[in-house]
Amino acid sequence: MVLWITVLIVVLVVLLASLRVVNQYEKGVKFTLGKFTGIMNPGLRLVIPVVQTWNRVDMRVKTIDVPDQDGITKDNVSVFMNAVLFYRVDDAEKAIIKVEDFDYAVSQLAQTTMRDIAGETDLDNLLSKRDTVSKKIQMIVDAATDPWGVKVEAVELKHIGLPENMKRTIAKQAEAEREKRAVIINAEGEVIAANNLAKAANMLSKTPGALHLRTLHSINDLSSDQSNTIVFAVPLEILKSYAGFKK
């Protein structure tokens, strides 16, 4: 009787020790005597001690903060940039069997890819087309990690750093561009003003007495301020009117 109780206790202990809980966001990769024997889905699962082992794989989207990477652009400018990479395990079996540490492998691959892309892109495109560069990095890393059962969801460049002398050069270039636009706008304004003045002068010259009325209007505006000294210029129209006057 004691023997049966002992055996029962041992069986219960082994059974309890064999139970494993796989969370909803996880999958388990089971090995029997070192050989892959199946995927453990979420729930309560049985793993026989000694004979079987298993690895827990998180299937959620993970984030890797890719540290600063030094690189030289296509036009020979030194830059450093960092990024954030979003990925998830798509195939738990491959993620455990095909690569030793997929988290570390994805991080290293992202770093080398960033340096390679920097060398293939000139500085202007690297700064102005950041989304395109990020998409290109994502496609390369995703293709390389596909045999590992890893899916790269997105790559976002966070910061692109430049040497101080290059920052000053870009600032001068931007300032020169702004001055150029200001000069162009002023010139266009002067052209418009000149055209309007020409039209006004043409209208005044074609209308008898218009220049005289305009002169009187200007004098009226000046006379509102007592501190002004007015030099009265007689329009030619008035002189012409006297030319035909007979005593």
C-alpha atoms as a PDB file:
ATOM      1  CA  MET A   1       0.000   0.000   0.000  1.00  0.00           C
ATOM      2  CA  VAL A   2       2.795   2.364   0.906  1.00  0.00           C
ATOM      3  CA  LEU A   3       4.523   1.514  -2.371  1.00  0.00           C
ATOM      4  CA  TRP A   4       1.448   2.414  -4.412  1.00  0.00           C
ATOM      5  CA  ILE A   5       1.062   5.681  -2.563  1.00  0.00           C
ATOM      6  CA  THR A   6       4.732   6.467  -3.213  1.00  0.00           C
ATOM      7  CA  VAL A   7       4.375   5.645  -6.886  1.00  0.00           C
ATOM      8  CA  LEU A   8       1.240   7.780  -7.123  1.00  0.00           C
ATOM      9  CA  ILE A   9       2.995  10.703  -5.483  1.00  0.00           C
ATOM     10  CA  VAL A  10       5.950  10.367  -7.849  1.00  0.00           C
ATOM     11  CA  VAL A  11       3.604  10.251 -10.850  1.00  0.00           C
ATOM     12  CA  LEU A  12       1.767  13.338  -9.640  1.00  0.00           C
ATOM     13  CA  VAL A  13       5.034  15.200  -9.064  1.00  0.00           C
ATOM     14  CA  VAL A  14       6.283  14.282 -12.555  1.00  0.00           C
ATOM     15  CA  LEU A  15       2.942  15.250 -14.075  1.00  0.00           C
ATOM     16  CA  LEU A  16       2.923  18.628 -12.343  1.00  0.00           C
ATOM     17  CA  ALA A  17       6.523  19.188 -13.324  1.00  0.00           C
ATOM     18  CA  SER A  18       5.613  18.418 -16.936  1.00  0.00           C
ATOM     19  CA  LEU A  19       2.887  21.047 -17.187  1.00  0.00           C
ATOM     20  CA  ARG A  20       3.746  24.271 -18.978  1.00  0.00           C
ATOM     21  CA  VAL A  21       1.614  27.349 -19.603  1.00  0.00           C
ATOM     22  CA  VAL A  22       1.952  29.035 -22.977  1.00  0.00           C
ATOM     23  CA  ASN A  23       0.569  32.589 -22.964  1.00  0.00           C
ATOM     24  CA  GLN A  24      -1.770  33.913 -25.630  1.00  0.00           C
ATOM     25  CA  TYR A  25       0.973  36.034 -27.248  1.00  0.00           C
ATOM     26  CA  GLU A  26       3.471  33.151 -27.273  1.00  0.00           C
ATOM     27  CA  LYS A  27       4.221  29.869 -28.988  1.00  0.00           C
ATOM     28  CA  GLY A  28       6.362  27.021 -27.764  1.00  0.00           C
ATOM     29  CA  VAL A  29       8.855  25.080 -29.868  1.00  0.00           C
ATOM     30  CA  LYS A  30       9.068  21.498 -28.548  1.00  0.00           C
ATOM     31  CA  PHE A  31      12.004  19.113 -28.935  1.00  0.00           C
ATOM     32  CA  THR A  32      11.980  15.410 -28.094  1.00  0.00           C
ATOM     33  CA  LEU A  33      15.427  13.950 -27.521  1.00  0.00           C
ATOM     34  CA  GLY A  34      16.845  16.976 -29.335  1.00  0.00           C
ATOM     35  CA  LYS A  35      14.586  16.669 -32.388  1.00  0.00           C
ATOM     36  CA  PHE A  36      11.879  19.164 -33.288  1.00  0.00           C
ATOM     37  CA  THR A  37       8.482  17.566 -32.689  1.00  0.00           C
ATOM     38  CA  GLY A  38       5.959  20.391 -32.917  1.00  0.00           C
ATOM     39  CA  ILE A  39       4.651  23.834 -32.031  1.00  0.00           C
ATOM     40  CA  MET A  40       2.906  24.375 -28.680  1.00  0.00           C
ATOM     41  CA  ASN A  41      -0.033  26.775 -29.008  1.00  0.00           C
ATOM     42  CA  PRO A  42      -1.307  28.974 -26.142  1.00  0.00           C
ATOM     43  CA  GLY A  43      -2.764  27.072 -23.188  1.00  0.00           C
ATOM     44  CA  LEU A  44      -1.718  24.331 -20.746  1.00  0.00           C
ATOM     45  CA  ARG A  45       0.745  21.974 -22.372  1.00  0.00           C
ATOM     46  CA  LEU A  46       2.643  18.827 -21.362  1.00  0.00           C
ATOM     47  CA  VAL A  47       6.437  18.622 -21.628  1.00  0.00           C
ATOM     48  CA  ILE A  48       7.978  15.385 -20.324  1.00  0.00           C
ATOM     49  CA  PRO A  49      11.029  16.159 -18.171  1.00  0.00           C
ATOM     50  CA  VAL A  50      14.431  14.932 -19.367  1.00  0.00           C
ATOM     51  CA  VAL A  51      12.944  13.516 -22.570  1.00  0.00           C
ATOM     52  CA  GLN A  52      11.505  16.756 -23.903  1.00  0.00           C
ATOM     53  CA  THR A  53      12.554  20.421 -23.886  1.00  0.00           C
ATOM     54  CA  TRP A  54      10.935  23.534 -25.252  1.00  0.00           C
ATOM     55  CA  ASN A  55      11.617  27.181 -26.120  1.00  0.00           C
ATOM     56  CA  ARG A  56       9.201  30.010 -25.489  1.00  0.00           C
ATOM     57  CA  VAL A  57       8.844  32.446 -28.416  1.00  0.00           C
ATOM     58  CA  ASP A  58       7.168  35.855 -28.056  1.00  0.00           C
ATOM     59  CA  MET A  59       5.052  36.516 -31.165  1.00  0.00           C
ATOM     60  CA  ARG A  60       4.339  40.182 -30.430  1.00  0.00           C
ATOM     61  CA  VAL A  61       5.828  43.095 -32.362  1.00  0.00           C
ATOM     62  CA  LYS A  62       9.179  44.055 -30.867  1.00  0.00           C
ATOM     63  CA  THR A  63      11.145  47.267 -31.060  1.00  0.00           C
ATOM     64  CA  ILE A  64      14.889  47.597 -31.565  1.00  0.00           C
ATOM     65  CA  ASP A  65      16.585  50.939 -31.035  1.00  0.00           C
ATOM     66  CA  VAL A  66      19.392  50.834 -33.597  1.00  0.00           C
ATOM     67  CA  PRO A  67      22.317  52.864 -32.166  1.00  0.00           C
ATOM     68  CA  ASP A  68      24.196  55.598 -34.018  1.00  0.00           C
ATOM     69  CA  GLN A  69      25.927  54.314 -37.140  1.00  0.00           C
ATOM     70  CA  ASP A  70      28.759  56.185 -38.830  1.00  0.00           C
ATOM     71  CA  GLY A  71      28.715  56.234 -42.595  1.00  0.00           C
ATOM     72  CA  ILE A  72      29.902  58.095 -45.672  1.00  0.00           C
ATOM     73  CA  THR A  73      27.333  59.171 -48.240  1.00  0.00           C
ATOM     74  CA  LYS A  74      27.667  58.722 -51.982  1.00  0.00           C
ATOM     75  CA  ASP A  75      28.997  62.294 -52.265  1.00  0.00           C
ATOM     76  CA  ASN A  76      31.645  61.641 -49.563  1.00  0.00           C
ATOM     77  CA  VAL A  77      30.006  63.370 -46.593  1.00  0.00           C
ATOM     78  CA  SER A  78      30.440  61.808 -43.150  1.00  0.00           C
ATOM     79  CA  VAL A  79      27.143  61.254 -41.350  1.00  0.00           C
ATOM     80  CA  PHE A  80      25.830  59.336 -38.391  1.00  0.00           C
ATOM     81  CA  MET A  81      22.255  58.142 -38.070  1.00  0.00           C
ATOM     82  CA  ASN A  82      20.088  56.051 -35.790  1.00  0.00           C
ATOM     83  CA  ALA A  83      16.764  54.348 -36.277  1.00  0.00           C
ATOM     84  CA  VAL A  84      14.038  52.306 -34.645  1.00  0.00           C
ATOM     85  CA  LEU A  85      13.056  48.937 -36.107  1.00  0.00           C
ATOM     86  CA  PHE A  86       9.751  47.123 -35.583  1.00  0.00           C
ATOM     87  CA  TYR A  87       9.597  43.371 -36.188  1.00  0.00           C
ATOM     88  CA  ARG A  88       7.820  40.211 -35.098  1.00  0.00           C
ATOM     89  CA  VAL A  89       8.376  36.462 -35.279  1.00  0.00           C
ATOM     90  CA  ASP A  90       6.296  35.006 -38.093  1.00  0.00           C
ATOM     91  CA  ASP A  91       7.528  31.394 -37.834  1.00  0.00           C
ATOM     92  CA  ALA A  92       8.527  30.236 -34.347  1.00  0.00           C
ATOM     93  CA  GLU A  93      10.186  27.053 -35.639  1.00  0.00           C
ATOM     94  CA  LYS A  94      12.558  28.913 -37.952  1.00  0.00           C
ATOM     95  CA  ALA A  95      13.279  31.603 -35.351  1.00  0.00           C
ATOM     96  CA  ILE A  96      14.631  28.955 -32.969  1.00  0.00           C
ATOM     97  CA  ILE A  97      16.201  26.479 -35.378  1.00  0.00           C
ATOM     98  CA  LYS A  98      17.605  28.680 -38.169  1.00  0.00           C
ATOM     99  CA  VAL A  99      19.344  31.348 -36.074  1.00  0.00           C
ATOM    100  CA  GLU A 100      20.935  31.284 -32.635  1.00  0.00           C
ATOM    101  CA  ASP A 101      19.674  34.633 -31.303  1.00  0.00           C
ATOM    102  CA  PHE A 102      17.258  36.304 -33.710  1.00  0.00           C
ATOM    103  CA  ASP A 103      16.984  39.511 -31.641  1.00  0.00           C
ATOM    104  CA  TYR A 104      20.738  40.106 -31.811  1.00  0.00           C
ATOM    105  CA  ALA A 105      20.902  38.993 -35.453  1.00  0.00           C
ATOM    106  CA  VAL A 106      18.170  41.434 -36.538  1.00  0.00           C
ATOM    107  CA  SER A 107      19.874  44.291 -34.692  1.00  0.00           C
ATOM    108  CA  GLN A 108      23.262  43.630 -36.285  1.00  0.00           C
ATOM    109  CA  LEU A 109      21.742  43.246 -39.734  1.00  0.00           C
ATOM    110  CA  ALA A 110      19.902  46.566 -39.383  1.00  0.00           C
ATOM    111  CA  GLN A 111      23.124  48.348 -38.407  1.00  0.00           C
ATOM    112  CA  THR A 112      25.134  47.065 -41.364  1.00  0.00           C
ATOM    113  CA  THR A 113      22.257  47.769 -43.763  1.00  0.00           C
ATOM    114  CA  MET A 114      22.021  51.387 -42.572  1.00  0.00           C
ATOM    115  CA  ARG A 115      25.710  51.930 -43.304  1.00  0.00           C
ATOM    116  CA  ASP A 116      25.367  50.337 -46.738  1.00  0.00           C
ATOM    117  CA  ILE A 117      22.346  52.472 -47.664  1.00  0.00           C
ATOM    118  CA  ALA A 118      24.161  55.634 -46.531  1.00  0.00           C
ATOM    119  CA  GLY A 119      26.982  54.783 -48.929  1.00  0.00           C
ATOM    120  CA  GLU A 120      24.538  54.406 -51.817  1.00  0.00           C
ATOM    121  CA  THR A 121      22.677  57.698 -51.208  1.00  0.00           C
ATOM    122  CA  ASP A 122      23.836  61.290 -51.588  1.00  0.00           C
ATOM    123  CA  LEU A 123      23.356  63.735 -48.739  1.00  0.00           C
ATOM    124  CA  ASP A 124      20.441  65.693 -50.249  1.00  0.00           C
ATOM    125  CA  ASN A 125      18.348  62.553 -50.780  1.00  0.00           C
ATOM    126  CA  LEU A 126      19.309  61.203 -47.360  1.00  0.00           C
ATOM    127  CA  LEU A 127      17.971  64.357 -45.706  1.00  0.00           C
ATOM    128  CA  SER A 128      14.977  65.107 -47.918  1.00  0.00           C
ATOM    129  CA  LYS A 129      13.771  61.564 -48.707  1.00  0.00           C
ATOM    130  CA  ARG A 130      13.992  59.993 -45.287  1.00  0.00           C
ATOM    131  CA  ASP A 131      10.847  57.913 -45.785  1.00  0.00           C
ATOM    132  CA  THR A 132      12.216  56.413 -48.995  1.00  0.00           C
ATOM    133  CA  VAL A 133      15.513  55.538 -47.309  1.00  0.00           C
ATOM    134  CA  SER A 134      13.663  53.969 -44.350  1.00  0.00           C
ATOM    135  CA  LYS A 135      11.527  51.895 -46.704  1.00  0.00           C
ATOM    136  CA  LYS A 136      14.603  50.670 -48.542  1.00  0.00           C
ATOM    137  CA  ILE A 137      16.269  49.603 -45.292  1.00  0.00           C
ATOM    138  CA  GLN A 138      13.083  47.772 -44.269  1.00  0.00           C
ATOM    139  CA  MET A 139      12.894  45.857 -47.559  1.00  0.00           C
ATOM    140  CA  ILE A 140      16.533  44.725 -47.367  1.00  0.00           C
ATOM    141  CA  VAL A 141      16.369  43.657 -43.710  1.00  0.00           C
ATOM    142  CA  ASP A 142      13.004  41.951 -44.221  1.00  0.00           C
ATOM    143  CA  ALA A 143      14.310  39.931 -47.167  1.00  0.00           C
ATOM    144  CA  ALA A 144      17.408  38.872 -45.214  1.00  0.00           C
ATOM    145  CA  THR A 145      15.456  37.840 -42.090  1.00  0.00           C
ATOM    146  CA  ASP A 146      12.724  35.941 -43.949  1.00  0.00           C
ATOM    147  CA  PRO A 147      14.650  32.607 -43.723  1.00  0.00           C
ATOM    148  CA  TRP A 148      14.781  33.139 -39.947  1.00  0.00           C
ATOM    149  CA  GLY A 149      10.992  33.368 -39.688  1.00  0.00           C
ATOM    150  CA  VAL A 150      11.146  37.073 -38.797  1.00  0.00           C
ATOM    151  CA  LYS A 151       8.957  39.750 -40.395  1.00  0.00           C
ATOM    152  CA  VAL A 152      10.178  43.361 -40.335  1.00  0.00           C
ATOM    153  CA  GLU A 153       7.128  45.610 -40.021  1.00  0.00           C
ATOM    154  CA  ALA A 154       8.785  49.030 -40.316  1.00  0.00           C
ATOM    155  CA  VAL A 155      12.022  50.977 -40.031  1.00  0.00           C
ATOM    156  CA  GLU A 156      12.025  54.655 -39.069  1.00  0.00           C
ATOM    157  CA  LEU A 157      15.099  56.871 -39.186  1.00  0.00           C
ATOM    158  CA  LYS A 158      15.090  58.975 -36.024  1.00  0.00           C
ATOM    159  CA  HIS A 159      18.066  61.264 -36.515  1.00  0.00           C
ATOM    160  CA  ILE A 160      20.686  62.026 -39.140  1.00  0.00           C
ATOM    161  CA  GLY A 161      23.687  63.877 -37.762  1.00  0.00           C
ATOM    162  CA  LEU A 162      26.194  65.968 -39.714  1.00  0.00           C
ATOM    163  CA  PRO A 163      29.643  67.399 -38.911  1.00  0.00           C
ATOM    164  CA  GLU A 164      29.648  70.996 -37.667  1.00  0.00           C
ATOM    165  CA  ASN A 165      31.331  72.362 -40.800  1.00  0.00           C
ATOM    166  CA  MET A 166      28.672  70.725 -42.974  1.00  0.00           C
ATOM    167  CA  LYS A 167      25.902  72.190 -40.786  1.00  0.00           C
ATOM    168  CA  ARG A 168      27.357  75.666 -41.322  1.00  0.00           C
ATOM    169  CA  THR A 169      27.599  75.071 -45.073  1.00  0.00           C
ATOM    170  CA  ILE A 170      23.967  73.957 -45.278  1.00  0.00           C
ATOM    171  CA  ALA A 171      22.884  76.942 -43.164  1.00  0.00           C
ATOM    172  CA  LYS A 172      24.702  79.328 -45.524  1.00  0.00           C
ATOM    173  CA  GLN A 173      23.135  77.615 -48.513  1.00  0.00           C
ATOM    174  CA  ALA A 174      19.662  77.955 -46.999  1.00  0.00           C
ATOM    175  CA  GLU A 175      20.294  81.629 -46.182  1.00  0.00           C
ATOM    176  CA  ALA A 176      21.473  82.309 -49.741  1.00  0.00           C
ATOM    177  CA  GLU A 177      18.370  80.581 -51.097  1.00  0.00           C
ATOM    178  CA  ARG A 178      16.111  82.746 -48.910  1.00  0.00           C
ATOM    179  CA  GLU A 179      17.908  85.927 -50.032  1.00  0.00           C
ATOM    180  CA  LYS A 180      17.552  84.819 -53.642  1.00  0.00           C
ATOM    181  CA  ARG A 181      13.795  84.354 -53.234  1.00  0.00           C
ATOM    182  CA  ALA A 182      13.504  87.753 -51.506  1.00  0.00           C
ATOM    183  CA  VAL A 183      15.315  89.500 -54.371  1.00  0.00           C
ATOM    184  CA  ILE A 184      13.109  87.755 -56.928  1.00  0.00           C
ATOM    185  CA  ILE A 185       9.933  88.723 -55.055  1.00  0.00           C
ATOM    186  CA  ASN A 186      11.087  92.357 -54.758  1.00  0.00           C
ATOM    187  CA  ALA A 187      11.933  92.458 -58.458  1.00  0.00           C
ATOM    188  CA  GLU A 188       8.539  91.033 -59.381  1.00  0.00           C
ATOM    189  CA  GLY A 189       6.882  93.648 -57.156  1.00  0.00           C
ATOM    190  CA  GLU A 190       8.816  96.438 -58.850  1.00  0.00           C
ATOM    191  CA  VAL A 191       7.771  95.172 -62.275  1.00  0.00           C
ATOM    192  CA  ILE A 192       4.113  95.124 -61.229  1.00  0.00           C
ATOM    193  CA  ALA A 193       4.399  98.620 -59.720  1.00  0.00           C
ATOM    194  CA  ALA A 194       6.093  99.962 -62.858  1.00  0.00           C
ATOM    195  CA  ASN A 195       3.384  98.484 -65.063  1.00  0.00           C
ATOM    196  CA  ASN A 196       0.674 100.044 -62.907  1.00  0.00           C
ATOM    197  CA  LEU A 197       2.409 103.435 -62.976  1.00  0.00           C
ATOM    198  CA  ALA A 198       2.750 103.232 -66.735  1.00  0.00           C
ATOM    199  CA  LYS A 199      -0.950 102.440 -67.083  1.00  0.00           C
ATOM    200  CA  ALA A 200      -1.870 105.317 -64.757  1.00  0.00           C
ATOM    201  CA  ALA A 201       0.352 107.761 -66.642  1.00  0.00           C
ATOM    202  CA  ASN A 202      -1.134 106.630 -69.937  1.00  0.00           C
ATOM    203  CA  MET A 203      -4.686 107.137 -68.605  1.00  0.00           C
ATOM    204  CA  LEU A 204      -3.832 110.604 -67.224  1.00  0.00           C
ATOM    205  CA  SER A 205      -2.180 111.718 -70.467  1.00  0.00           C
ATOM    206  CA  LYS A 206      -5.200 110.693 -72.538  1.00  0.00           C
ATOM    207  CA  THR A 207      -7.801 112.445 -70.335  1.00  0.00           C
ATOM    208  CA  PRO A 208      -7.907 116.299 -70.550  1.00  0.00           C
ATOM    209  CA  GLY A 209      -7.612 117.952 -67.142  1.00  0.00           C
ATOM    210  CA  ALA A 210      -6.840 114.656 -65.358  1.00  0.00           C
ATOM    211  CA  LEU A 211      -3.288 115.628 -64.491  1.00  0.00           C
ATOM    212  CA  HIS A 212      -4.515 118.975 -63.111  1.00  0.00           C
ATOM    213  CA  LEU A 213      -7.079 117.196 -60.899  1.00  0.00           C
ATOM    214  CA  ARG A 214      -4.421 114.788 -59.728  1.00  0.00           C
ATOM    215  CA  THR A 215      -2.139 117.682 -58.828  1.00  0.00           C
ATOM    216  CA  LEU A 216      -4.894 119.417 -56.851  1.00  0.00           C
ATOM    217  CA  HIS A 217      -5.645 116.178 -55.031  1.00  0.00           C
ATOM    218  CA  SER A 218      -1.983 115.779 -54.056  1.00  0.00           C
ATOM    219  CA  ILE A 219      -1.836 119.400 -52.817  1.00  0.00           C
ATOM    220  CA  ASN A 220      -4.942 118.811 -50.734  1.00  0.00           C
ATOM    221  CA  ASP A 221      -3.294 115.797 -49.092  1.00  0.00           C
ATOM    222  CA  LEU A 222      -0.151 117.755 -48.325  1.00  0.00           C
ATOM    223  CA  SER A 223      -2.030 120.750 -46.893  1.00  0.00           C
ATOM    224  CA  SER A 224      -3.464 118.676 -44.050  1.00  0.00           C
ATOM    225  CA  ASP A 225      -0.104 118.928 -42.277  1.00  0.00           C
ATOM    226  CA  GLN A 226       0.840 122.552 -41.387  1.00  0.00           C
ATOM    227  CA  SER A 227       4.540 121.701 -41.086  1.00  0.00           C
ATOM    228  CA  ASN A 228       4.833 120.895 -44.792  1.00  0.00           C
ATOM    229  CA  THR A 229       6.323 123.387 -47.244  1.00  0.00           C
ATOM    230  CA  ILE A 230       4.660 123.107 -50.627  1.00  0.00           C
ATOM    231  CA  VAL A 231       6.483 123.853 -53.856  1.00  0.00           C
ATOM    232  CA  PHE A 232       3.721 124.311 -56.400  1.00  0.00           C
ATOM    233  CA  ALA A 233       4.517 122.975 -59.837  1.00  0.00           C
ATOM    234  CA  VAL A 234       2.260 124.300 -62.573  1.00  0.00           C
ATOM    235  CA  PRO A 235       1.177 121.448 -64.866  1.00  0.00           C
ATOM    236  CA  LEU A 236       1.822 121.903 -68.561  1.00  0.00           C
ATOM    237  CA  GLU A 237      -1.895 121.561 -69.168  1.00  0.00           C
ATOM    238  CA  ILE A 238      -2.529 124.920 -67.416  1.00  0.00           C
ATOM    239  CA  LEU A 239       0.220 126.600 -69.374  1.00  0.00           C
ATOM    240  CA  LYS A 240      -1.264 125.280 -72.582  1.00  0.00           C
ATOM    241  CA  SER A 241      -4.654 126.689 -71.596  1.00  0.00           C
ATOM    242  CA  TYR A 242      -3.042 130.158 -71.247  1.00  0.00           C
ATOM    243  CA  ALA A 243      -1.354 129.816 -74.598  1.00  0.00           C
ATOM    244  CA  GLY A 244      -4.702 130.124 -76.323  1.00  0.00           C
ATOM    245  CA  PHE A 245      -5.932 133.030 -74.127  1.00  0.00           C
ATOM    246  CA  LYS A 246      -6.469 136.364 -75.960  1.00  0.00           C
ATOM    247  CA  LYS A 247      -6.616 139.747 -74.252  1.00  0.00           C
END
